[in-house]
Structure formats: C-alpha cells, structure tokens
Amino acid sequence: MLSFRLAADPWCSGPTCQPVTLEIAGSNPVGSANFEYTDAPSAARTGRSLAARRPVRGDTDGVPPPDPTARLTFREMTVDDLDVMAALLGDPVVMAYSAHPKDRAEALAWIEWNQHLYRERDFGLWIVEERETRRFVGDCGLTPQEVDGTIEIEVGYHVSVALQRRGYATEAAAACRAYARDVLGLERLIALIHPDNVPSQRVAEKIGLRFERATIGPSGRPRRVYGASLV
C-alpha cells in the first residue's frame, strides 16, 4: 500500500490548499516492484536532504527522462495516459501484492503524484514504451520512500501482463539506476519488495542491489529492503 498526504509541505502550496490523504499500491510477482510511501517529511522539516543531486544535463525546465535503451523509451506521464495507467494499475495480476487493484480515480492520483515529483524532484515514475513500436509497456522510475524514519530513493516499476517475462523490468530498472547515479548524482538507491515477490527480488539483484533487511512499511505490510551505494 502506498499512502501519501497532499498538504502544504511538500505536496501543496497556496492559501487554498487542503490536506488530502490518498492511498495507492502496486506490485506483482513478475511485473512490478512494491511502492510504499506515507506522508514523507520534507527536508525543510527534518533537516535531511532526500539525496545528493548533481544534474549534468538539466535546464530551467527540469531534467529530461532517462535516455532510450536498446528496446525501451521513457517519457513523463500526462493525463492523456489515464486509460493505459488505469488499465495497468487496475489489473489484478499486476497488483497481486497490493491491497486491491486501483480504480480510475486512484490511477489519476498516481499520475498527478508523479507530475508533482517531476516538478519538485526532477524524477518520478516515467511511462515506458517499446522503442520500435511505441507500444505501452508500463511505468518505471524513482520515488522518495520512507524507510524506518529515513527518506530513501527507490527504483520501482509496473509492467503490463502481456509484456512480462521479456526482460523489460530489468532493462528499465537498470536505466533508472544509471540515471540516478549519472544524471541526478544520487549516492544510494533502494528497492522495497514484498517477501513473496521473488521475481522482483531477482530484478533488484540483477541491477546491483543487495538484500539489506526485512522491515514493516507504514501500512503494516512486510517488505524487504534491497539497496546499493552509487558512489
């Protein structure tokens, strides 16, 4: 389960902002990694930086998504992606380890959360498509997560059922790991994965993350922490 709170800091600004609590969740044995996020404190309130950041190709409009891989491309989510994202996050197989598949409103909240991350953090989950066909594959990217009271940056993904078992999850996650290190200058990366989600644990290991410990997320669900230094 992924929970986050829209509030004056960090998710909202302006005198008319009203706090709203949303819950989003997602993972499956093959096509996704766990996301779990609960009202994470901002660096301004905690005195902690989310991560060191050293953009090397950004500009005043933000940092572009990861470069294409051999088979995949990345782009930012927009509301035009609501149909495909609602289908992805509403699929009971894709969401096998979450509390329940997401409805259309929750899929829209997911898109809006990532759009906020693009603006505020220069990263988020990106739409992933096949490079040759532009066929929708899923999403993959980087998100801030609270782990035992500390904010970490996680690599996570969802892959459509029809395109699972083709190595797309590993290919996309590896590109995001390189992006975190080379473009954003992050010093550490993690993945939070349900104990039963063995395929996603293998993806984490393939991109150089190693099991560190078992823990319980803010929603009370068990998770395994995989991590690696990027320096």
Protein backbone atom coordinates (compact mmCIF):
# COMPACT_ATOMS: atom_id res chain seq x y z
CA MET A 1 0.00 0.00 0.00
CA LEU A 2 1.28 3.40 -0.94
CA SER A 3 -0.08 6.31 1.10
CA PHE A 4 0.72 9.94 0.75
CA ARG A 5 -0.75 13.17 2.03
CA LEU A 6 -1.38 16.22 -0.08
CA ALA A 7 -0.55 19.10 2.23
CA ALA A 8 1.14 22.48 2.32
CA ASP A 9 4.55 20.82 2.51
CA PRO A 10 5.64 19.14 0.32
CA TRP A 11 2.66 18.32 -1.87
CA CYS A 12 0.68 21.53 -1.95
CA SER A 13 1.16 25.29 -1.97
CA GLY A 14 -1.01 28.36 -1.69
CA PRO A 15 -3.57 29.55 0.84
CA THR A 16 -6.39 27.42 -0.56
CA CYS A 17 -4.61 24.07 -0.25
CA GLN A 18 -6.50 21.44 1.72
CA PRO A 19 -4.78 18.29 3.02
CA VAL A 20 -5.96 15.10 1.31
CA THR A 21 -4.83 11.58 2.14
CA LEU A 22 -4.57 9.16 -0.77
CA GLU A 23 -3.60 5.50 -0.89
CA ILE A 24 -2.02 3.86 -3.91
CA ALA A 25 -0.35 0.47 -4.08
CA GLY A 26 1.19 -1.86 -6.57
CA SER A 27 3.30 -4.88 -7.19
CA ASN A 28 3.15 -8.32 -8.74
CA PRO A 29 5.35 -11.42 -8.83
CA VAL A 30 6.82 -10.58 -12.24
CA GLY A 31 5.74 -7.19 -13.43
CA SER A 32 6.21 -4.76 -10.59
CA ALA A 33 8.11 -3.79 -7.51
CA ASN A 34 6.48 -2.63 -4.29
CA PHE A 35 5.77 1.06 -3.66
CA GLU A 36 5.06 2.23 -0.14
CA TYR A 37 5.01 5.87 0.84
CA THR A 38 3.39 7.57 3.82
CA ASP A 39 3.26 11.34 4.39
CA ALA A 40 7.00 11.62 3.99
CA PRO A 41 8.56 14.61 5.78
CA SER A 42 10.31 17.16 3.60
CA ALA A 43 13.95 18.09 4.02
CA ALA A 44 12.84 21.52 5.22
CA ARG A 45 11.07 19.95 8.17
CA THR A 46 13.56 17.22 9.00
CA GLY A 47 16.86 18.86 8.14
CA ARG A 48 17.69 15.83 5.96
CA SER A 49 18.24 16.00 2.24
CA LEU A 50 16.30 13.44 0.20
CA ALA A 51 19.51 12.71 -1.72
CA ALA A 52 22.52 14.43 -3.13
CA ARG A 53 21.66 15.75 -6.59
CA ARG A 54 24.13 16.65 -9.30
CA PRO A 55 22.22 17.23 -12.57
CA VAL A 56 24.55 17.11 -15.54
CA ARG A 57 22.09 17.70 -18.36
CA GLY A 58 19.20 19.56 -16.75
CA ASP A 59 17.95 23.03 -17.62
CA THR A 60 15.46 25.53 -16.24
CA ASP A 61 12.60 23.33 -17.42
CA GLY A 62 13.80 20.34 -15.41
CA VAL A 63 15.80 17.21 -16.14
CA PRO A 64 14.74 15.04 -19.11
CA PRO A 65 13.72 11.39 -18.56
CA PRO A 66 16.29 8.61 -18.97
CA ASP A 67 17.75 8.05 -22.42
CA PRO A 68 16.29 5.22 -24.52
CA THR A 69 17.67 1.74 -24.01
CA ALA A 70 18.07 -0.87 -26.73
CA ARG A 71 14.34 -1.66 -26.64
CA LEU A 72 12.62 0.93 -24.45
CA THR A 73 11.92 4.65 -24.24
CA PHE A 74 10.91 6.82 -21.28
CA ARG A 75 8.67 9.88 -21.10
CA GLU A 76 6.74 11.81 -18.47
CA MET A 77 3.20 10.79 -17.58
CA THR A 78 0.32 13.06 -18.55
CA VAL A 79 -3.43 12.90 -18.05
CA ASP A 80 -3.60 11.57 -21.61
CA ASP A 81 -2.15 8.34 -20.18
CA LEU A 82 -5.08 7.81 -17.82
CA ASP A 83 -6.64 5.00 -19.87
CA VAL A 84 -3.47 2.90 -20.04
CA MET A 85 -2.47 3.66 -16.45
CA ALA A 86 -5.94 2.82 -15.15
CA ALA A 87 -5.78 -0.49 -17.00
CA LEU A 88 -2.28 -1.19 -15.67
CA LEU A 89 -2.98 -0.32 -12.04
CA GLY A 90 -6.41 -1.92 -12.21
CA ASP A 91 -5.06 -5.28 -13.36
CA PRO A 92 -5.33 -7.84 -10.53
CA VAL A 93 -2.23 -9.67 -11.76
CA VAL A 94 -0.10 -6.53 -11.89
CA MET A 95 -1.42 -5.60 -8.44
CA ALA A 96 -1.12 -9.07 -6.94
CA TYR A 97 0.73 -7.93 -3.81
CA SER A 98 -1.22 -4.74 -3.21
CA ALA A 99 -4.32 -4.35 -1.09
CA HIS A 100 -6.53 -4.15 -4.17
CA PRO A 101 -6.39 -3.07 -7.82
CA LYS A 102 -6.69 0.68 -8.29
CA ASP A 103 -9.74 2.39 -9.72
CA ARG A 104 -9.68 5.20 -12.28
CA ALA A 105 -9.58 7.97 -9.67
CA GLU A 106 -6.60 6.37 -7.96
CA ALA A 107 -4.84 5.99 -11.30
CA LEU A 108 -5.34 9.72 -11.90
CA ALA A 109 -3.93 10.45 -8.44
CA TRP A 110 -0.91 8.30 -9.35
CA ILE A 111 -0.29 10.39 -12.47
CA GLU A 112 -0.69 13.65 -10.55
CA TRP A 113 1.72 12.45 -7.84
CA ASN A 114 4.37 11.71 -10.45
CA GLN A 115 3.82 15.04 -12.17
CA HIS A 116 4.49 16.69 -8.83
CA LEU A 117 7.69 14.69 -8.47
CA TYR A 118 8.87 15.79 -11.92
CA ARG A 119 8.43 19.43 -10.91
CA GLU A 120 9.85 19.21 -7.41
CA ARG A 121 12.47 16.43 -7.61
CA ASP A 122 13.40 16.13 -11.31
CA PHE A 123 12.41 12.46 -11.18
CA GLY A 124 9.41 10.19 -10.72
CA LEU A 125 7.94 7.18 -12.45
CA TRP A 126 8.01 7.53 -16.22
CA ILE A 127 5.89 5.95 -18.92
CA VAL A 128 7.85 3.14 -20.59
CA GLU A 129 7.18 2.21 -24.22
CA GLU A 130 8.73 -0.14 -26.74
CA ARG A 131 11.25 1.80 -28.77
CA GLU A 132 10.28 0.46 -32.20
CA THR A 133 6.52 0.17 -31.85
CA ARG A 134 5.76 2.80 -29.15
CA ARG A 135 3.62 0.12 -27.51
CA PHE A 136 2.84 0.88 -23.86
CA VAL A 137 4.92 -1.29 -21.54
CA GLY A 138 4.21 0.20 -18.10
CA ASP A 139 5.94 2.61 -15.78
CA CYS A 140 9.37 2.69 -14.17
CA GLY A 141 11.38 5.26 -12.28
CA LEU A 142 12.44 6.76 -8.98
CA THR A 143 10.36 7.83 -5.99
CA PRO A 144 11.07 9.06 -2.43
CA GLN A 145 10.10 6.49 0.19
CA GLU A 146 10.15 6.50 3.97
CA VAL A 147 12.06 3.53 5.38
CA ASP A 148 12.27 3.25 9.16
CA GLY A 149 12.09 7.02 9.57
CA THR A 150 14.56 7.89 6.81
CA ILE A 151 13.74 9.10 3.31
CA GLU A 152 15.34 6.95 0.62
CA ILE A 153 15.05 6.93 -3.17
CA GLU A 154 13.54 3.78 -4.64
CA VAL A 155 13.57 2.33 -8.11
CA GLY A 156 10.24 0.71 -8.95
CA TYR A 157 8.12 -0.35 -11.90
CA HIS A 158 4.94 -1.97 -13.22
CA VAL A 159 4.94 -3.98 -16.47
CA SER A 160 1.80 -4.91 -18.38
CA VAL A 161 0.96 -8.60 -18.12
CA ALA A 162 1.18 -9.12 -21.90
CA LEU A 163 4.78 -7.87 -21.92
CA GLN A 164 6.14 -9.61 -18.84
CA ARG A 165 8.94 -12.20 -18.96
CA ARG A 166 10.80 -10.32 -21.70
CA GLY A 167 13.42 -8.67 -19.52
CA TYR A 168 11.76 -5.26 -19.77
CA ALA A 169 11.65 -4.76 -16.00
CA THR A 170 15.39 -5.34 -15.65
CA GLU A 171 16.21 -3.20 -18.70
CA ALA A 172 14.11 -0.28 -17.49
CA ALA A 173 15.26 -0.54 -13.87
CA ALA A 174 18.92 -0.66 -14.94
CA ALA A 175 18.42 2.51 -17.00
CA CYS A 176 16.87 4.24 -13.99
CA ARG A 177 19.72 3.12 -11.76
CA ALA A 178 22.23 4.65 -14.20
CA TYR A 179 20.11 7.80 -14.38
CA ALA A 180 20.04 8.09 -10.59
CA ARG A 181 23.82 7.89 -10.46
CA ASP A 182 24.94 9.72 -13.58
CA VAL A 183 22.26 12.39 -14.05
CA LEU A 184 20.84 13.03 -10.60
CA GLY A 185 24.04 12.30 -8.69
CA LEU A 186 22.29 10.15 -6.09
CA GLU A 187 24.55 8.38 -3.65
CA ARG A 188 22.24 5.47 -2.79
CA LEU A 189 19.32 3.58 -4.31
CA ILE A 190 16.91 1.05 -2.84
CA ALA A 191 14.03 -1.22 -3.82
CA LEU A 192 11.22 -2.20 -1.44
CA ILE A 193 9.81 -5.60 -2.33
CA HIS A 194 7.22 -7.92 -0.82
CA PRO A 195 8.87 -11.04 0.68
CA ASP A 196 6.94 -13.31 -1.70
CA ASN A 197 7.80 -11.29 -4.81
CA VAL A 198 10.80 -13.38 -5.82
CA PRO A 199 10.98 -12.24 -9.48
CA SER A 200 11.22 -8.58 -8.42
CA GLN A 201 13.91 -9.53 -5.92
CA ARG A 202 15.84 -11.06 -8.82
CA VAL A 203 15.43 -7.85 -10.84
CA ALA A 204 16.85 -5.86 -7.92
CA GLU A 205 19.84 -8.21 -7.72
CA LYS A 206 20.43 -8.01 -11.47
CA ILE A 207 20.81 -4.22 -11.28
CA GLY A 208 23.26 -4.44 -8.40
CA LEU A 209 21.02 -4.06 -5.33
CA ARG A 210 21.53 -6.44 -2.43
CA PHE A 211 19.23 -7.57 0.35
CA GLU A 212 19.81 -5.50 3.47
CA ARG A 213 17.00 -6.26 5.89
CA ALA A 214 13.34 -7.08 6.37
CA THR A 215 11.07 -4.37 7.72
CA ILE A 216 7.45 -3.33 8.01
CA GLY A 217 6.10 -0.46 5.96
CA PRO A 218 3.91 2.37 7.28
CA SER A 219 0.80 0.49 6.15
CA GLY A 220 1.82 -2.56 8.18
CA ARG A 221 2.79 -4.70 5.17
CA PRO A 222 6.07 -6.64 5.25
CA ARG A 223 8.82 -5.67 2.82
CA ARG A 224 12.41 -6.50 2.05
CA VAL A 225 14.86 -3.66 1.62
CA TYR A 226 17.36 -4.03 -1.21
CA GLY A 227 19.99 -1.30 -1.56
CA ALA A 228 23.31 -0.21 -3.03
CA SER A 229 25.73 2.67 -2.88
CA LEU A 230 26.03 4.54 -6.19
CA VAL A 231 29.35 6.19 -5.36
